[in-house]
């Protein structure tokens, strides 16, 4: 969430890609970062769709509203194909899938923090 960043950290970003932001604190935070001429784009932040962003900064000539290209199926995250809701409703063939997911989740939560 952008509102959790310090203003100093945001000021160090050369180019910002702002995806859908529904929380008013995040929108207000982005309003301080956007150039004055692009303030009208703030209204789009809470209603943008998946793959859309507002881009501004050194990497673009003017602030713009963009849509990212679709990725070919072989380049998409593997998690996109997980059908958790179906697996949770099934008591037979997908039970192994669900048990493996729970086992991995518990294994991650048991790992001690480093630092």
PDB file of N, CA and C in Angstrom:
ATOM      1  N   UNK A   1       0.832  -1.174   0.000  1.00  0.00           N
ATOM      2  CA  UNK A   1       0.000   0.000   0.000  1.00  0.00           C
ATOM      3  C   UNK A   1       0.885   1.248   0.000  1.00  0.00           C
ATOM      4  N   UNK A   2       0.643   2.130  -0.913  1.00  0.00           N
ATOM      5  CA  UNK A   2       1.467   3.336  -1.001  1.00  0.00           C
ATOM      6  C   UNK A   2       1.441   4.180   0.263  1.00  0.00           C
ATOM      7  N   UNK A   3       0.335   4.201   0.973  1.00  0.00           N
ATOM      8  CA  UNK A   3       0.268   5.032   2.173  1.00  0.00           C
ATOM      9  C   UNK A   3       1.205   4.526   3.263  1.00  0.00           C
ATOM     10  N   UNK A   4       1.679   3.290   3.144  1.00  0.00           N
ATOM     11  CA  UNK A   4       2.614   2.740   4.114  1.00  0.00           C
ATOM     12  C   UNK A   4       4.063   3.099   3.784  1.00  0.00           C
ATOM     13  N   UNK A   5       4.295   3.658   2.601  1.00  0.00           N
ATOM     14  CA  UNK A   5       5.635   4.106   2.221  1.00  0.00           C
ATOM     15  C   UNK A   5       5.900   5.485   2.805  1.00  0.00           C
ATOM     16  N   UNK A   6       7.126   5.735   3.117  1.00  0.00           N
ATOM     17  CA  UNK A   6       7.470   7.077   3.566  1.00  0.00           C
ATOM     18  C   UNK A   6       7.528   7.992   2.339  1.00  0.00           C
ATOM     19  N   UNK A   7       7.196   9.267   2.499  1.00  0.00           N
ATOM     20  CA  UNK A   7       7.294  10.195   1.365  1.00  0.00           C
ATOM     21  C   UNK A   7       8.703  10.243   0.781  1.00  0.00           C
ATOM     22  N   UNK A   8       9.721  10.041   1.613  1.00  0.00           N
ATOM     23  CA  UNK A   8      11.102  10.039   1.125  1.00  0.00           C
ATOM     24  C   UNK A   8      11.348   8.847   0.205  1.00  0.00           C
ATOM     25  N   UNK A   9      10.778   7.694   0.536  1.00  0.00           N
ATOM     26  CA  UNK A   9      10.959   6.512  -0.319  1.00  0.00           C
ATOM     27  C   UNK A   9      10.281   6.727  -1.670  1.00  0.00           C
ATOM     28  N   UNK A  10       9.079   7.274  -1.655  1.00  0.00           N
ATOM     29  CA  UNK A  10       8.372   7.509  -2.911  1.00  0.00           C
ATOM     30  C   UNK A  10       9.102   8.533  -3.766  1.00  0.00           C
ATOM     31  N   UNK A  11       9.687   9.528  -3.132  1.00  0.00           N
ATOM     32  CA  UNK A  11      10.386  10.558  -3.905  1.00  0.00           C
ATOM     33  C   UNK A  11      11.623   9.996  -4.612  1.00  0.00           C
ATOM     34  N   UNK A  12      12.129   8.849  -4.170  1.00  0.00           N
ATOM     35  CA  UNK A  12      13.291   8.222  -4.789  1.00  0.00           C
ATOM     36  C   UNK A  12      12.919   7.367  -5.996  1.00  0.00           C
ATOM     37  N   UNK A  13      11.622   7.126  -6.200  1.00  0.00           N
ATOM     38  CA  UNK A  13      11.171   6.321  -7.335  1.00  0.00           C
ATOM     39  C   UNK A  13      11.190   7.177  -8.593  1.00  0.00           C
ATOM     40  N   UNK A  14      11.855   6.708  -9.617  1.00  0.00           N
ATOM     41  CA  UNK A  14      11.924   7.458 -10.862  1.00  0.00           C
ATOM     42  C   UNK A  14      10.632   7.354 -11.661  1.00  0.00           C
ATOM     43  N   UNK A  15      10.041   6.175 -11.670  1.00  0.00           N
ATOM     44  CA  UNK A  15       8.805   5.938 -12.404  1.00  0.00           C
ATOM     45  C   UNK A  15       7.858   5.169 -11.492  1.00  0.00           C
ATOM     46  N   UNK A  16       6.605   5.581 -11.463  1.00  0.00           N
ATOM     47  CA  UNK A  16       5.612   4.943 -10.592  1.00  0.00           C
ATOM     48  C   UNK A  16       4.522   4.314 -11.452  1.00  0.00           C
ATOM     49  N   UNK A  17       4.178   3.059 -11.147  1.00  0.00           N
ATOM     50  CA  UNK A  17       3.050   2.351 -11.747  1.00  0.00           C
ATOM     51  C   UNK A  17       2.019   2.195 -10.643  1.00  0.00           C
ATOM     52  N   UNK A  18       0.940   2.925 -10.722  1.00  0.00           N
ATOM     53  CA  UNK A  18      -0.118   2.860  -9.706  1.00  0.00           C
ATOM     54  C   UNK A  18      -1.248   1.994 -10.241  1.00  0.00           C
ATOM     55  N   UNK A  19      -1.465   0.852  -9.585  1.00  0.00           N
ATOM     56  CA  UNK A  19      -2.557  -0.038  -9.951  1.00  0.00           C
ATOM     57  C   UNK A  19      -3.815   0.394  -9.201  1.00  0.00           C
ATOM     58  N   UNK A  20      -4.877  -0.367  -9.288  1.00  0.00           N
ATOM     59  CA  UNK A  20      -6.141  -0.009  -8.638  1.00  0.00           C
ATOM     60  C   UNK A  20      -5.911   0.251  -7.147  1.00  0.00           C
ATOM     61  N   UNK A  21      -6.337   1.415  -6.700  1.00  0.00           N
ATOM     62  CA  UNK A  21      -6.217   1.805  -5.299  1.00  0.00           C
ATOM     63  C   UNK A  21      -7.579   2.271  -4.806  1.00  0.00           C
ATOM     64  N   UNK A  22      -8.179   1.511  -3.924  1.00  0.00           N
ATOM     65  CA  UNK A  22      -9.498   1.853  -3.425  1.00  0.00           C
ATOM     66  C   UNK A  22      -9.497   2.619  -2.124  1.00  0.00           C
ATOM     67  N   UNK A  23      -8.445   2.483  -1.349  1.00  0.00           N
ATOM     68  CA  UNK A  23      -8.409   3.120  -0.033  1.00  0.00           C
ATOM     69  C   UNK A  23      -8.099   4.609  -0.167  1.00  0.00           C
ATOM     70  N   UNK A  24      -8.855   5.426   0.533  1.00  0.00           N
ATOM     71  CA  UNK A  24      -8.692   6.878   0.381  1.00  0.00           C
ATOM     72  C   UNK A  24      -7.312   7.364   0.812  1.00  0.00           C
ATOM     73  N   UNK A  25      -6.685   6.712   1.792  1.00  0.00           N
ATOM     74  CA  UNK A  25      -5.338   7.130   2.202  1.00  0.00           C
ATOM     75  C   UNK A  25      -4.330   6.900   1.082  1.00  0.00           C
ATOM     76  N   UNK A  26      -4.479   5.782   0.370  1.00  0.00           N
ATOM     77  CA  UNK A  26      -3.584   5.499  -0.758  1.00  0.00           C
ATOM     78  C   UNK A  26      -3.810   6.499  -1.883  1.00  0.00           C
ATOM     79  N   UNK A  27      -5.065   6.827  -2.151  1.00  0.00           N
ATOM     80  CA  UNK A  27      -5.370   7.800  -3.193  1.00  0.00           C
ATOM     81  C   UNK A  27      -4.815   9.174  -2.831  1.00  0.00           C
ATOM     82  N   UNK A  28      -4.960   9.551  -1.584  1.00  0.00           N
ATOM     83  CA  UNK A  28      -4.440  10.853  -1.142  1.00  0.00           C
ATOM     84  C   UNK A  28      -2.922  10.886  -1.246  1.00  0.00           C
ATOM     85  N   UNK A  29      -2.299   9.767  -0.899  1.00  0.00           N
ATOM     86  CA  UNK A  29      -0.843   9.675  -0.984  1.00  0.00           C
ATOM     87  C   UNK A  29      -0.388   9.824  -2.433  1.00  0.00           C
ATOM     88  N   UNK A  30      -1.102   9.173  -3.363  1.00  0.00           N
ATOM     89  CA  UNK A  30      -0.737   9.273  -4.772  1.00  0.00           C
ATOM     90  C   UNK A  30      -0.974  10.684  -5.295  1.00  0.00           C
ATOM     91  N   UNK A  31      -1.957  11.384  -4.754  1.00  0.00           N
ATOM     92  CA  UNK A  31      -2.235  12.757  -5.187  1.00  0.00           C
ATOM     93  C   UNK A  31      -1.038  13.663  -4.916  1.00  0.00           C
ATOM     94  N   UNK A  32      -0.293  13.368  -3.872  1.00  0.00           N
ATOM     95  CA  UNK A  32       0.888  14.186  -3.576  1.00  0.00           C
ATOM     96  C   UNK A  32       2.039  13.882  -4.529  1.00  0.00           C
ATOM     97  N   UNK A  33       2.019  12.690  -5.134  1.00  0.00           N
ATOM     98  CA  UNK A  33       3.114  12.285  -6.018  1.00  0.00           C
ATOM     99  C   UNK A  33       2.850  12.646  -7.478  1.00  0.00           C
ATOM    100  N   UNK A  34       1.590  12.655  -7.878  1.00  0.00           N
ATOM    101  CA  UNK A  34       1.262  12.949  -9.282  1.00  0.00           C
ATOM    102  C   UNK A  34       1.535  14.405  -9.616  1.00  0.00           C
ATOM    103  N   UNK A  35       1.997  14.675 -10.819  1.00  0.00           N
ATOM    104  CA  UNK A  35       2.153  16.066 -11.250  1.00  0.00           C
ATOM    105  C   UNK A  35       0.779  16.754 -11.273  1.00  0.00           C
ATOM    106  N   UNK A  36       0.766  18.053 -11.074  1.00  0.00           N
ATOM    107  CA  UNK A  36      -0.490  18.805 -11.035  1.00  0.00           C
ATOM    108  C   UNK A  36      -1.340  18.579 -12.283  1.00  0.00           C
ATOM    109  N   UNK A  37      -0.721  18.506 -13.439  1.00  0.00           N
ATOM    110  CA  UNK A  37      -1.453  18.355 -14.696  1.00  0.00           C
ATOM    111  C   UNK A  37      -2.165  17.005 -14.799  1.00  0.00           C
ATOM    112  N   UNK A  38      -1.786  16.042 -13.981  1.00  0.00           N
ATOM    113  CA  UNK A  38      -2.365  14.695 -14.066  1.00  0.00           C
ATOM    114  C   UNK A  38      -3.343  14.400 -12.938  1.00  0.00           C
ATOM    115  N   UNK A  39      -3.716  15.371 -12.154  1.00  0.00           N
ATOM    116  CA  UNK A  39      -4.615  15.144 -11.016  1.00  0.00           C
ATOM    117  C   UNK A  39      -5.954  14.530 -11.432  1.00  0.00           C
ATOM    118  N   UNK A  40      -6.391  14.812 -12.648  1.00  0.00           N
ATOM    119  CA  UNK A  40      -7.643  14.237 -13.126  1.00  0.00           C
ATOM    120  C   UNK A  40      -7.615  12.716 -13.197  1.00  0.00           C
ATOM    121  N   UNK A  41      -6.430  12.139 -13.292  1.00  0.00           N
ATOM    122  CA  UNK A  41      -6.301  10.681 -13.364  1.00  0.00           C
ATOM    123  C   UNK A  41      -6.618  10.010 -12.036  1.00  0.00           C
ATOM    124  N   UNK A  42      -6.592  10.738 -10.949  1.00  0.00           N
ATOM    125  CA  UNK A  42      -6.855  10.159  -9.634  1.00  0.00           C
ATOM    126  C   UNK A  42      -8.236   9.522  -9.559  1.00  0.00           C
ATOM    127  N   UNK A  43      -9.198  10.084 -10.266  1.00  0.00           N
ATOM    128  CA  UNK A  43     -10.559   9.550 -10.234  1.00  0.00           C
ATOM    129  C   UNK A  43     -10.617   8.119 -10.772  1.00  0.00           C
ATOM    130  N   UNK A  44      -9.667   7.733 -11.619  1.00  0.00           N
ATOM    131  CA  UNK A  44      -9.665   6.390 -12.200  1.00  0.00           C
ATOM    132  C   UNK A  44      -9.095   5.345 -11.255  1.00  0.00           C
ATOM    133  N   UNK A  45      -8.325   5.738 -10.255  1.00  0.00           N
ATOM    134  CA  UNK A  45      -7.630   4.771  -9.395  1.00  0.00           C
ATOM    135  C   UNK A  45      -8.537   3.715  -8.758  1.00  0.00           C
ATOM    136  N   UNK A  46      -9.668   4.065  -8.179  1.00  0.00           N
ATOM    137  CA  UNK A  46     -10.464   3.015  -7.525  1.00  0.00           C
ATOM    138  C   UNK A  46     -11.229   2.108  -8.489  1.00  0.00           C
ATOM    139  N   UNK A  47     -11.366   2.490  -9.746  1.00  0.00           N
ATOM    140  CA  UNK A  47     -12.189   1.700 -10.668  1.00  0.00           C
ATOM    141  C   UNK A  47     -11.397   1.027 -11.788  1.00  0.00           C
ATOM    142  N   UNK A  48     -10.085   1.067 -11.727  1.00  0.00           N
ATOM    143  CA  UNK A  48      -9.294   0.438 -12.785  1.00  0.00           C
ATOM    144  C   UNK A  48      -9.459  -1.073 -12.742  1.00  0.00           C
ATOM    145  N   UNK A  49      -9.351  -1.687 -13.907  1.00  0.00           N
ATOM    146  CA  UNK A  49      -9.472  -3.136 -14.012  1.00  0.00           C
ATOM    147  C   UNK A  49      -8.109  -3.798 -13.853  1.00  0.00           C
ATOM    148  N   UNK A  50      -8.143  -5.112 -13.800  1.00  0.00           N
ATOM    149  CA  UNK A  50      -6.909  -5.887 -13.787  1.00  0.00           C
ATOM    150  C   UNK A  50      -6.122  -5.546 -15.040  1.00  0.00           C
ATOM    151  N   UNK A  51      -4.809  -5.441 -14.924  1.00  0.00           N
ATOM    152  CA  UNK A  51      -3.874  -5.121 -16.006  1.00  0.00           C
ATOM    153  C   UNK A  51      -3.832  -3.639 -16.349  1.00  0.00           C
ATOM    154  N   UNK A  52      -4.527  -2.772 -15.609  1.00  0.00           N
ATOM    155  CA  UNK A  52      -4.486  -1.345 -15.875  1.00  0.00           C
ATOM    156  C   UNK A  52      -3.654  -0.635 -14.820  1.00  0.00           C
ATOM    157  N   UNK A  53      -3.041   0.474 -15.209  1.00  0.00           N
ATOM    158  CA  UNK A  53      -2.222   1.254 -14.288  1.00  0.00           C
ATOM    159  C   UNK A  53      -2.146   2.694 -14.774  1.00  0.00           C
ATOM    160  N   UNK A  54      -1.828   3.569 -13.838  1.00  0.00           N
ATOM    161  CA  UNK A  54      -1.462   4.938 -14.176  1.00  0.00           C
ATOM    162  C   UNK A  54       0.044   5.010 -14.001  1.00  0.00           C
ATOM    163  N   UNK A  55       0.740   5.488 -15.010  1.00  0.00           N
ATOM    164  CA  UNK A  55       2.196   5.541 -14.995  1.00  0.00           C
ATOM    165  C   UNK A  55       2.633   6.989 -15.099  1.00  0.00           C
ATOM    166  N   UNK A  56       3.578   7.372 -14.241  1.00  0.00           N
ATOM    167  CA  UNK A  56       4.138   8.720 -14.327  1.00  0.00           C
ATOM    168  C   UNK A  56       5.557   8.696 -13.796  1.00  0.00           C
ATOM    169  N   UNK A  57       6.339   9.673 -14.224  1.00  0.00           N
ATOM    170  CA  UNK A  57       7.721   9.786 -13.774  1.00  0.00           C
ATOM    171  C   UNK A  57       8.686   9.827 -14.935  1.00  0.00           C
ATOM    172  N   UNK A  58       9.924   9.519 -14.634  1.00  0.00           N
ATOM    173  CA  UNK A  58      11.001   9.638 -15.617  1.00  0.00           C
ATOM    174  C   UNK A  58      10.880   8.686 -16.793  1.00  0.00           C
ATOM    175  N   UNK A  59      10.216   7.549 -16.614  1.00  0.00           N
ATOM    176  CA  UNK A  59      10.133   6.543 -17.671  1.00  0.00           C
ATOM    177  C   UNK A  59       9.123   6.837 -18.762  1.00  0.00           C
ATOM    178  N   UNK A  60       8.290   7.852 -18.553  1.00  0.00           N
ATOM    179  CA  UNK A  60       7.283   8.211 -19.559  1.00  0.00           C
ATOM    180  C   UNK A  60       7.298   9.716 -19.766  1.00  0.00           C
ATOM    181  N   UNK A  61       6.978  10.141 -20.982  1.00  0.00           N
ATOM    182  CA  UNK A  61       6.999  11.581 -21.280  1.00  0.00           C
ATOM    183  C   UNK A  61       5.886  12.322 -20.553  1.00  0.00           C
ATOM    184  N   UNK A  62       4.699  11.717 -20.541  1.00  0.00           N
ATOM    185  CA  UNK A  62       3.535  12.310 -19.880  1.00  0.00           C
ATOM    186  C   UNK A  62       2.874  11.247 -19.011  1.00  0.00           C
ATOM    187  N   UNK A  63       2.234  11.624 -17.908  1.00  0.00           N
ATOM    188  CA  UNK A  63       1.466  10.632 -17.148  1.00  0.00           C
ATOM    189  C   UNK A  63       0.416   9.998 -18.058  1.00  0.00           C
ATOM    190  N   UNK A  64       0.238   8.685 -17.937  1.00  0.00           N
ATOM    191  CA  UNK A  64      -0.706   8.009 -18.820  1.00  0.00           C
ATOM    192  C   UNK A  64      -1.395   6.855 -18.132  1.00  0.00           C
ATOM    193  N   UNK A  65      -2.569   6.537 -18.641  1.00  0.00           N
ATOM    194  CA  UNK A  65      -3.351   5.391 -18.198  1.00  0.00           C
ATOM    195  C   UNK A  65      -3.046   4.271 -19.191  1.00  0.00           C
ATOM    196  N   UNK A  66      -2.519   3.136 -18.708  1.00  0.00           N
ATOM    197  CA  UNK A  66      -2.109   2.055 -19.606  1.00  0.00           C
ATOM    198  C   UNK A  66      -2.828   0.761 -19.270  1.00  0.00           C
ATOM    199  N   UNK A  67      -2.757  -0.171 -20.191  1.00  0.00           N
ATOM    200  CA  UNK A  67      -3.211  -1.541 -19.965  1.00  0.00           C
ATOM    201  C   UNK A  67      -2.072  -2.460 -20.369  1.00  0.00           C
ATOM    202  N   UNK A  68      -1.682  -3.345 -19.449  1.00  0.00           N
ATOM    203  CA  UNK A  68      -0.613  -4.293 -19.745  1.00  0.00           C
ATOM    204  C   UNK A  68      -1.110  -5.349 -20.730  1.00  0.00           C
ATOM    205  N   UNK A  69      -0.210  -5.829 -21.592  1.00  0.00           N
ATOM    206  CA  UNK A  69      -0.545  -6.888 -22.537  1.00  0.00           C
ATOM    207  C   UNK A  69      -0.897  -8.172 -21.797  1.00  0.00           C
ATOM    208  N   UNK A  70      -1.706  -9.007 -22.452  1.00  0.00           N
ATOM    209  CA  UNK A  70      -1.987 -10.338 -21.919  1.00  0.00           C
ATOM    210  C   UNK A  70      -0.724 -11.182 -22.030  1.00  0.00           C
ATOM    211  N   UNK A  71      -0.466 -11.985 -21.030  1.00  0.00           N
ATOM    212  CA  UNK A  71       0.660 -12.913 -21.092  1.00  0.00           C
ATOM    213  C   UNK A  71       0.206 -14.202 -21.753  1.00  0.00           C
ATOM    214  N   UNK A  72       1.071 -14.818 -22.540  1.00  0.00           N
ATOM    215  CA  UNK A  72       0.705 -16.126 -23.082  1.00  0.00           C
ATOM    216  C   UNK A  72       0.547 -17.110 -21.917  1.00  0.00           C
ATOM    217  N   UNK A  73      -0.296 -18.115 -22.072  1.00  0.00           N
ATOM    218  CA  UNK A  73      -0.564 -19.050 -20.960  1.00  0.00           C
ATOM    219  C   UNK A  73       0.686 -19.614 -20.304  1.00  0.00           C
ATOM    220  N   UNK A  74       1.719 -19.902 -21.080  1.00  0.00           N
ATOM    221  CA  UNK A  74       2.928 -20.503 -20.496  1.00  0.00           C
ATOM    222  C   UNK A  74       3.745 -19.520 -19.651  1.00  0.00           C
ATOM    223  N   UNK A  75       3.467 -18.230 -19.741  1.00  0.00           N
ATOM    224  CA  UNK A  75       4.197 -17.218 -18.962  1.00  0.00           C
ATOM    225  C   UNK A  75       3.401 -16.723 -17.750  1.00  0.00           C
ATOM    226  N   UNK A  76       2.157 -17.176 -17.597  1.00  0.00           N
ATOM    227  CA  UNK A  76       1.313 -16.729 -16.494  1.00  0.00           C
ATOM    228  C   UNK A  76       1.716 -17.419 -15.196  1.00  0.00           C
ATOM    229  N   UNK A  77       1.443 -16.785 -14.065  1.00  0.00           N
ATOM    230  CA  UNK A  77       1.744 -17.437 -12.780  1.00  0.00           C
ATOM    231  C   UNK A  77       1.006 -18.759 -12.665  1.00  0.00           C
ATOM    232  N   UNK A  78       1.663 -19.733 -12.113  1.00  0.00           N
ATOM    233  CA  UNK A  78       1.071 -21.048 -11.976  1.00  0.00           C
ATOM    234  C   UNK A  78      -0.108 -21.028 -11.011  1.00  0.00           C
ATOM    235  N   UNK A  79      -0.117 -20.086 -10.101  1.00  0.00           N
ATOM    236  CA  UNK A  79      -1.205 -20.010  -9.131  1.00  0.00           C
ATOM    237  C   UNK A  79      -2.530 -19.657  -9.790  1.00  0.00           C
ATOM    238  N   UNK A  80      -2.466 -19.108 -11.002  1.00  0.00           N
ATOM    239  CA  UNK A  80      -3.677 -18.731 -11.722  1.00  0.00           C
ATOM    240  C   UNK A  80      -4.560 -19.940 -12.002  1.00  0.00           C
ATOM    241  N   UNK A  81      -3.955 -21.117 -12.075  1.00  0.00           N
ATOM    242  CA  UNK A  81      -4.714 -22.304 -12.434  1.00  0.00           C
ATOM    243  C   UNK A  81      -5.269 -23.066 -11.236  1.00  0.00           C
ATOM    244  N   UNK A  82      -4.916 -22.676 -10.032  1.00  0.00           N
ATOM    245  CA  UNK A  82      -5.401 -23.391  -8.850  1.00  0.00           C
ATOM    246  C   UNK A  82      -6.891 -23.146  -8.666  1.00  0.00           C
ATOM    247  N   UNK A  83      -7.638 -24.197  -8.467  1.00  0.00           N
ATOM    248  CA  UNK A  83      -9.087 -24.116  -8.287  1.00  0.00           C
ATOM    249  C   UNK A  83      -9.427 -24.448  -6.831  1.00  0.00           C
ATOM    250  N   UNK A  84      -9.031 -23.562  -5.913  1.00  0.00           N
ATOM    251  CA  UNK A  84      -9.207 -23.830  -4.500  1.00  0.00           C
ATOM    252  C   UNK A  84     -10.668 -24.024  -4.109  1.00  0.00           C
ATOM    253  N   UNK A  85     -11.555 -23.203  -4.622  1.00  0.00           N
ATOM    254  CA  UNK A  85     -12.954 -23.321  -4.220  1.00  0.00           C
ATOM    255  C   UNK A  85     -13.530 -24.682  -4.602  1.00  0.00           C
ATOM    256  N   UNK A  86     -13.144 -25.188  -5.752  1.00  0.00           N
ATOM    257  CA  UNK A  86     -13.613 -26.526  -6.156  1.00  0.00           C
ATOM    258  C   UNK A  86     -12.994 -27.605  -5.266  1.00  0.00           C
ATOM    259  N   UNK A  87     -11.723 -27.466  -4.974  1.00  0.00           N
ATOM    260  CA  UNK A  87     -11.042 -28.469  -4.155  1.00  0.00           C
ATOM    261  C   UNK A  87     -11.633 -28.535  -2.748  1.00  0.00           C
ATOM    262  N   UNK A  88     -12.011 -27.412  -2.203  1.00  0.00           N
ATOM    263  CA  UNK A  88     -12.578 -27.393  -0.861  1.00  0.00           C
ATOM    264  C   UNK A  88     -13.971 -28.014  -0.810  1.00  0.00           C
ATOM    265  N   UNK A  89     -14.662 -28.027  -1.935  1.00  0.00           N
ATOM    266  CA  UNK A  89     -16.010 -28.588  -1.971  1.00  0.00           C
ATOM    267  C   UNK A  89     -16.012 -30.083  -2.282  1.00  0.00           C
ATOM    268  N   UNK A  90     -14.877 -30.620  -2.683  1.00  0.00           N
ATOM    269  CA  UNK A  90     -14.778 -32.021  -3.072  1.00  0.00           C
ATOM    270  C   UNK A  90     -14.190 -32.830  -1.932  1.00  0.00           C
ATOM    271  N   UNK A  91     -14.731 -34.019  -1.737  1.00  0.00           N
ATOM    272  CA  UNK A  91     -14.239 -34.862  -0.644  1.00  0.00           C
ATOM    273  C   UNK A  91     -13.410 -36.031  -1.134  1.00  0.00           C
ATOM    274  N   UNK A  92     -13.240 -36.183  -2.442  1.00  0.00           N
ATOM    275  CA  UNK A  92     -12.550 -37.370  -2.930  1.00  0.00           C
ATOM    276  C   UNK A  92     -11.240 -37.042  -3.633  1.00  0.00           C
ATOM    277  N   UNK A  93     -11.274 -36.915  -4.941  1.00  0.00           N
ATOM    278  CA  UNK A  93     -10.052 -36.802  -5.746  1.00  0.00           C
ATOM    279  C   UNK A  93      -9.216 -35.586  -5.379  1.00  0.00           C
ATOM    280  N   UNK A  94      -9.833 -34.453  -5.047  1.00  0.00           N
ATOM    281  CA  UNK A  94      -9.076 -33.245  -4.753  1.00  0.00           C
ATOM    282  C   UNK A  94      -8.663 -33.136  -3.291  1.00  0.00           C
ATOM    283  N   UNK A  95      -9.019 -34.095  -2.474  1.00  0.00           N
ATOM    284  CA  UNK A  95      -8.654 -34.055  -1.058  1.00  0.00           C
ATOM    285  C   UNK A  95      -7.133 -34.035  -0.902  1.00  0.00           C
ATOM    286  N   UNK A  96      -6.429 -34.772  -1.739  1.00  0.00           N
ATOM    287  CA  UNK A  96      -4.969 -34.796  -1.683  1.00  0.00           C
ATOM    288  C   UNK A  96      -4.397 -33.423  -2.016  1.00  0.00           C
ATOM    289  N   UNK A  97      -4.990 -32.757  -2.994  1.00  0.00           N
ATOM    290  CA  UNK A  97      -4.588 -31.400  -3.372  1.00  0.00           C
ATOM    291  C   UNK A  97      -4.729 -30.457  -2.174  1.00  0.00           C
ATOM    292  N   UNK A  98      -5.845 -30.520  -1.494  1.00  0.00           N
ATOM    293  CA  UNK A  98      -6.103 -29.663  -0.347  1.00  0.00           C
ATOM    294  C   UNK A  98      -5.131 -29.967   0.800  1.00  0.00           C
ATOM    295  N   UNK A  99      -4.923 -31.236   1.101  1.00  0.00           N
ATOM    296  CA  UNK A  99      -3.994 -31.619   2.168  1.00  0.00           C
ATOM    297  C   UNK A  99      -2.579 -31.130   1.882  1.00  0.00           C
ATOM    298  N   UNK A 100      -2.144 -31.225   0.628  1.00  0.00           N
ATOM    299  CA  UNK A 100      -0.804 -30.759   0.257  1.00  0.00           C
ATOM    300  C   UNK A 100      -0.693 -29.255   0.436  1.00  0.00           C
ATOM    301  N   UNK A 101      -1.726 -28.509   0.060  1.00  0.00           N
ATOM    302  CA  UNK A 101      -1.722 -27.061   0.245  1.00  0.00           C
ATOM    303  C   UNK A 101      -1.638 -26.678   1.708  1.00  0.00           C
ATOM    304  N   UNK A 102      -2.383 -27.351   2.551  1.00  0.00           N
ATOM    305  CA  UNK A 102      -2.351 -27.081   3.996  1.00  0.00           C
ATOM    306  C   UNK A 102      -0.992 -27.436   4.570  1.00  0.00           C
ATOM    307  N   UNK A 103      -0.426 -28.562   4.135  1.00  0.00           N
ATOM    308  CA  UNK A 103       0.895 -28.974   4.629  1.00  0.00           C
ATOM    309  C   UNK A 103       1.943 -27.914   4.294  1.00  0.00           C
ATOM    310  N   UNK A 104       1.938 -27.412   3.058  1.00  0.00           N
ATOM    311  CA  UNK A 104       2.915 -26.396   2.655  1.00  0.00           C
ATOM    312  C   UNK A 104       2.730 -25.096   3.431  1.00  0.00           C
ATOM    313  N   UNK A 105       1.481 -24.706   3.627  1.00  0.00           N
ATOM    314  CA  UNK A 105       1.195 -23.479   4.384  1.00  0.00           C
ATOM    315  C   UNK A 105       1.716 -23.603   5.818  1.00  0.00           C
ATOM    316  N   UNK A 106       1.456 -24.733   6.456  1.00  0.00           N
ATOM    317  CA  UNK A 106       1.933 -24.927   7.828  1.00  0.00           C
ATOM    318  C   UNK A 106       3.453 -24.969   7.887  1.00  0.00           C
ATOM    319  N   UNK A 107       4.079 -25.559   6.881  1.00  0.00           N
ATOM    320  CA  UNK A 107       5.539 -25.621   6.836  1.00  0.00           C
ATOM    321  C   UNK A 107       6.126 -24.209   6.752  1.00  0.00           C
ATOM    322  N   UNK A 108       5.519 -23.332   5.984  1.00  0.00           N
ATOM    323  CA  UNK A 108       6.004 -21.954   5.868  1.00  0.00           C
ATOM    324  C   UNK A 108       5.814 -21.179   7.164  1.00  0.00           C
ATOM    325  N   UNK A 109       4.734 -21.414   7.872  1.00  0.00           N
ATOM    326  CA  UNK A 109       4.463 -20.656   9.098  1.00  0.00           C
ATOM    327  C   UNK A 109       5.341 -21.134  10.255  1.00  0.00           C
ATOM    328  N   UNK A 110       5.921 -22.302  10.156  1.00  0.00           N
ATOM    329  CA  UNK A 110       6.781 -22.818  11.216  1.00  0.00           C
ATOM    330  C   UNK A 110       8.228 -22.345  11.104  1.00  0.00           C
ATOM    331  N   UNK A 111       8.592 -21.852   9.949  1.00  0.00           N
ATOM    332  CA  UNK A 111       9.983 -21.433   9.742  1.00  0.00           C
ATOM    333  C   UNK A 111      10.301 -20.247  10.628  1.00  0.00           C
ATOM    334  N   UNK A 112      11.421 -20.290  11.350  1.00  0.00           N
ATOM    335  CA  UNK A 112      11.780 -19.164  12.222  1.00  0.00           C
ATOM    336  C   UNK A 112      12.171 -17.933  11.398  1.00  0.00           C
ATOM    337  N   UNK A 113      11.864 -16.786  11.932  1.00  0.00           N
ATOM    338  CA  UNK A 113      12.229 -15.526  11.264  1.00  0.00           C
ATOM    339  C   UNK A 113      13.731 -15.340  11.343  1.00  0.00           C
ATOM    340  N   UNK A 114      14.305 -14.811  10.259  1.00  0.00           N
ATOM    341  CA  UNK A 114      15.738 -14.545  10.246  1.00  0.00           C
ATOM    342  C   UNK A 114      15.956 -13.053  10.387  1.00  0.00           C
ATOM    343  N   UNK A 115      17.063 -12.692  10.920  1.00  0.00           N
ATOM    344  CA  UNK A 115      17.341 -11.261  10.989  1.00  0.00           C
ATOM    345  C   UNK A 115      18.141 -10.848  12.127  1.00  0.00           C
TER     346      UNK A 115
END
